């Protein structure tokens, strides 16, 4: 199974369009998004709803199964497409996508927006652990920090806006 995974768009649809331009012909089976679709926390619900709708229009172009979790910036806005991993576990071939820590085992792919502190210093008993939020972008044991697709200057302390990470990993 091949997964296109990314996180932390923070409402920047241009970043998602760039991602699509770079990956539209890539060979992958599904998309996993690790949260922070929008910038609702800073820009309000109405602007976030526009950001969400524009994000979804780009994702629909892939015509691939789409799975996601919400982030800390997605306060009230809801994704109208795809499959929310927070609402239920999803069977993907011989694997399961979950965000329920108590249900993980070696056949599960754990997806959360945050790295859970109880897993910082030990390997989680999952096939793979995908998360975003901290914008680092790294692979450690079976953890993949999805980094960020777009990080603006507001609330990040950056001197300029940055386009960031993309993880496309075969498994």
Protein backbone atom coordinates (compact mmCIF):
# COMPACT_ATOMS: atom_id res chain seq x y z
CA UNK A 1 0.00 0.00 0.00
CA UNK A 2 1.27 3.47 -0.87
CA UNK A 3 0.13 6.49 1.12
CA UNK A 4 0.28 10.20 0.35
CA UNK A 5 0.41 11.83 3.81
CA UNK A 6 0.57 15.49 4.75
CA UNK A 7 -0.55 17.85 7.48
CA UNK A 8 -0.87 21.43 8.65
CA UNK A 9 -2.13 23.41 5.67
CA UNK A 10 -3.33 26.25 7.91
CA UNK A 11 -5.85 27.45 5.34
CA UNK A 12 -3.38 27.97 2.50
CA UNK A 13 -5.04 26.42 -0.54
CA UNK A 14 -2.15 27.50 -2.79
CA UNK A 15 0.01 24.99 -0.87
CA UNK A 16 -2.51 22.23 -1.56
CA UNK A 17 -2.61 23.17 -5.24
CA UNK A 18 1.21 22.99 -5.37
CA UNK A 19 1.06 19.58 -3.71
CA UNK A 20 -1.48 18.42 -6.29
CA UNK A 21 0.66 19.70 -9.18
CA UNK A 22 3.65 17.75 -7.82
CA UNK A 23 1.82 14.52 -6.99
CA UNK A 24 -1.14 14.20 -9.36
CA UNK A 25 0.66 11.52 -11.40
CA UNK A 26 2.26 9.77 -8.42
CA UNK A 27 1.36 6.16 -7.71
CA UNK A 28 -0.40 5.94 -4.34
CA UNK A 29 -3.52 4.25 -2.98
CA UNK A 30 -4.91 6.72 -0.47
CA UNK A 31 -4.43 10.08 1.20
CA UNK A 32 -4.07 10.67 4.94
CA UNK A 33 -4.27 14.20 6.33
CA UNK A 34 -2.99 14.90 9.86
CA UNK A 35 -5.03 17.99 10.77
CA UNK A 36 -5.05 21.78 10.61
CA UNK A 37 -7.03 22.14 7.41
CA UNK A 38 -7.81 25.76 8.23
CA UNK A 39 -6.67 28.76 10.19
CA UNK A 40 -10.00 29.13 12.01
CA UNK A 41 -8.30 29.81 15.33
CA UNK A 42 -6.88 33.09 13.98
CA UNK A 43 -9.19 33.97 11.08
CA UNK A 44 -12.66 32.92 12.28
CA UNK A 45 -15.28 30.42 11.20
CA UNK A 46 -16.49 32.07 7.97
CA UNK A 47 -13.00 32.33 6.48
CA UNK A 48 -12.22 28.80 7.67
CA UNK A 49 -15.29 27.42 5.91
CA UNK A 50 -14.09 28.97 2.64
CA UNK A 51 -10.61 27.50 3.25
CA UNK A 52 -12.11 24.06 3.92
CA UNK A 53 -14.26 24.12 0.79
CA UNK A 54 -11.32 25.17 -1.39
CA UNK A 55 -9.11 22.49 0.19
CA UNK A 56 -11.74 19.83 -0.57
CA UNK A 57 -12.07 20.89 -4.19
CA UNK A 58 -8.36 20.23 -4.71
CA UNK A 59 -8.44 16.90 -2.85
CA UNK A 60 -11.40 15.69 -4.94
CA UNK A 61 -9.22 16.00 -8.09
CA UNK A 62 -7.09 13.07 -6.87
CA UNK A 63 -10.05 10.68 -7.00
CA UNK A 64 -8.46 8.62 -4.19
CA UNK A 65 -9.78 7.57 -0.78
CA UNK A 66 -9.22 10.43 1.69
CA UNK A 67 -8.84 9.95 5.47
CA UNK A 68 -8.22 12.67 8.03
CA UNK A 69 -8.13 13.95 11.58
CA UNK A 70 -8.81 17.51 12.68
CA UNK A 71 -6.17 19.82 14.15
CA UNK A 72 -6.13 22.46 16.84
CA UNK A 73 -6.91 25.16 14.26
CA UNK A 74 -10.03 23.35 13.00
CA UNK A 75 -12.28 24.37 15.86
CA UNK A 76 -15.82 24.21 14.41
CA UNK A 77 -15.37 23.73 10.68
CA UNK A 78 -16.17 20.26 9.32
CA UNK A 79 -14.73 18.46 6.31
CA UNK A 80 -17.54 17.56 3.87
CA UNK A 81 -15.60 14.82 2.04
CA UNK A 82 -13.65 11.72 2.92
CA UNK A 83 -13.48 9.65 6.08
CA UNK A 84 -12.83 11.04 9.55
CA UNK A 85 -10.53 8.75 11.52
CA UNK A 86 -11.74 10.34 14.76
CA UNK A 87 -15.30 9.11 14.12
CA UNK A 88 -14.46 5.46 13.50
CA UNK A 89 -11.74 3.00 12.56
CA UNK A 90 -11.32 2.38 8.83
CA UNK A 91 -10.28 -0.97 7.37
CA UNK A 92 -7.78 -0.53 4.53
CA UNK A 93 -6.93 -3.96 3.13
CA UNK A 94 -5.22 -5.83 5.97
CA UNK A 95 -4.62 -2.62 7.96
CA UNK A 96 -6.79 -0.37 10.11
CA UNK A 97 -6.60 3.41 10.42
CA UNK A 98 -7.38 4.54 13.97
CA UNK A 99 -6.79 7.39 16.37
CA UNK A 100 -7.77 5.32 19.41
CA UNK A 101 -4.59 4.71 21.38
CA UNK A 102 -6.09 1.93 23.46
CA UNK A 103 -6.87 -0.12 20.32
CA UNK A 104 -3.48 -0.10 18.61
CA UNK A 105 -1.50 -3.16 17.56
CA UNK A 106 0.87 -4.06 14.72
CA UNK A 107 -1.97 -4.05 12.15
CA UNK A 108 -3.02 -0.48 12.98
CA UNK A 109 -1.91 2.85 11.58
CA UNK A 110 -2.35 5.41 14.36
CA UNK A 111 -3.20 8.91 13.10
CA UNK A 112 -3.44 11.93 15.41
CA UNK A 113 -2.74 15.61 15.10
CA UNK A 114 -0.46 15.60 18.16
CA UNK A 115 2.35 13.33 19.28
CA UNK A 116 1.02 11.76 22.47
CA UNK A 117 3.49 12.39 25.30
CA UNK A 118 3.32 8.79 26.55
CA UNK A 119 4.95 7.71 23.26
CA UNK A 120 7.78 10.27 23.13
CA UNK A 121 10.48 7.95 24.49
CA UNK A 122 9.24 4.51 23.48
CA UNK A 123 8.03 2.83 20.36
CA UNK A 124 4.28 2.72 19.97
CA UNK A 125 2.81 -0.74 19.36
CA UNK A 126 1.42 0.16 15.94
CA UNK A 127 2.49 -0.52 12.39
CA UNK A 128 2.89 3.23 11.83
CA UNK A 129 2.18 6.41 13.79
CA UNK A 130 1.37 9.53 11.72
CA UNK A 131 0.97 12.94 13.32
CA UNK A 132 1.46 16.65 12.60
CA UNK A 133 1.19 19.82 14.67
CA UNK A 134 4.78 20.47 15.71
CA UNK A 135 6.04 21.25 12.17
CA UNK A 136 9.28 19.30 12.49
CA UNK A 137 8.99 16.71 9.71
CA UNK A 138 10.93 13.62 10.77
CA UNK A 139 10.88 9.84 10.75
CA UNK A 140 11.80 8.07 13.99
CA UNK A 141 11.26 4.31 14.52
CA UNK A 142 7.71 3.79 13.28
CA UNK A 143 6.71 7.46 13.83
CA UNK A 144 6.32 9.90 10.97
CA UNK A 145 5.95 13.55 11.93
CA UNK A 146 4.24 14.99 8.87
CA UNK A 147 5.74 18.43 9.43
CA UNK A 148 3.70 21.09 7.65
CA UNK A 149 2.59 21.76 4.12
CA UNK A 150 2.32 25.51 4.75
CA UNK A 151 3.41 27.66 7.66
CA UNK A 152 2.59 31.35 7.61
CA UNK A 153 4.16 34.08 9.70
CA UNK A 154 1.14 34.54 11.97
CA UNK A 155 1.61 32.65 15.28
CA UNK A 156 4.61 30.71 14.04
CA UNK A 157 7.36 33.24 14.61
CA UNK A 158 8.66 32.79 11.07
CA UNK A 159 10.13 35.77 9.26
CA UNK A 160 8.48 34.63 6.03
CA UNK A 161 5.86 32.13 4.97
CA UNK A 162 7.20 28.65 4.26
CA UNK A 163 6.10 25.72 2.11
CA UNK A 164 7.15 22.55 3.84
CA UNK A 165 7.02 18.83 4.08
CA UNK A 166 5.47 16.03 2.11
CA UNK A 167 5.80 12.39 3.04
CA UNK A 168 5.17 9.87 0.27
CA UNK A 169 6.21 6.48 1.61
CA UNK A 170 5.79 2.97 0.25
CA UNK A 171 4.74 0.29 2.70
